[in-house]
Amino acid sequence: MRKISIAAIAALGLALTACNTVKGAGEDVESVGEAVQKTVD
């Protein structure tokens, strides 16, 4: 379970670095937060 959450956070972190706009960065941060919350639940 912990390995899956770490992999999800790493993948979303890579997506965050790939975005080119502030709006895109905000959406990526939101998606990371949602993914972390889903893994905690």
Protein backbone atom coordinates (compact mmCIF):
# COMPACT_ATOMS: atom_id res chain seq x y z
CA MET A 1 0.00 0.00 0.00
CA ARG A 2 2.76 2.42 0.92
CA LYS A 3 4.69 1.63 -2.29
CA ILE A 4 1.61 2.42 -4.38
CA SER A 5 1.11 5.80 -2.72
CA ILE A 6 4.79 6.68 -3.15
CA ALA A 7 4.63 5.73 -6.84
CA ALA A 8 1.47 7.81 -7.32
CA ILE A 9 3.03 10.84 -5.65
CA ALA A 10 6.19 10.46 -7.74
CA ALA A 11 4.19 10.19 -10.98
CA LEU A 12 2.12 13.23 -10.12
CA GLY A 13 5.26 15.09 -9.13
CA LEU A 14 6.66 14.44 -12.61
CA ALA A 15 3.43 15.74 -14.11
CA LEU A 16 3.79 18.87 -12.00
CA THR A 17 7.25 19.56 -13.36
CA ALA A 18 5.99 19.10 -16.91
CA CYS A 19 3.34 21.84 -16.77
CA ASN A 20 4.11 25.20 -18.35
CA THR A 21 1.53 27.55 -16.84
CA VAL A 22 0.56 28.69 -13.37
CA LYS A 23 -2.98 27.43 -13.98
CA GLY A 24 -1.61 24.03 -14.97
CA ALA A 25 0.56 23.96 -11.86
CA GLY A 26 -2.46 24.68 -9.68
CA GLU A 27 -4.39 21.85 -11.27
CA ASP A 28 -1.46 19.48 -10.82
CA VAL A 29 -1.10 20.40 -7.14
CA GLU A 30 -4.82 19.79 -6.69
CA SER A 31 -4.58 16.37 -8.34
CA VAL A 32 -1.63 15.44 -6.11
CA GLY A 33 -3.66 16.40 -3.04
CA GLU A 34 -6.62 14.34 -4.21
CA ALA A 35 -4.39 11.32 -4.92
CA VAL A 36 -2.78 11.52 -1.49
CA GLN A 37 -6.15 11.81 0.19
CA LYS A 38 -7.47 8.76 -1.71
CA THR A 39 -4.46 6.68 -0.64
CA VAL A 40 -4.94 7.74 3.00
CA ASP A 41 -8.62 6.73 2.91
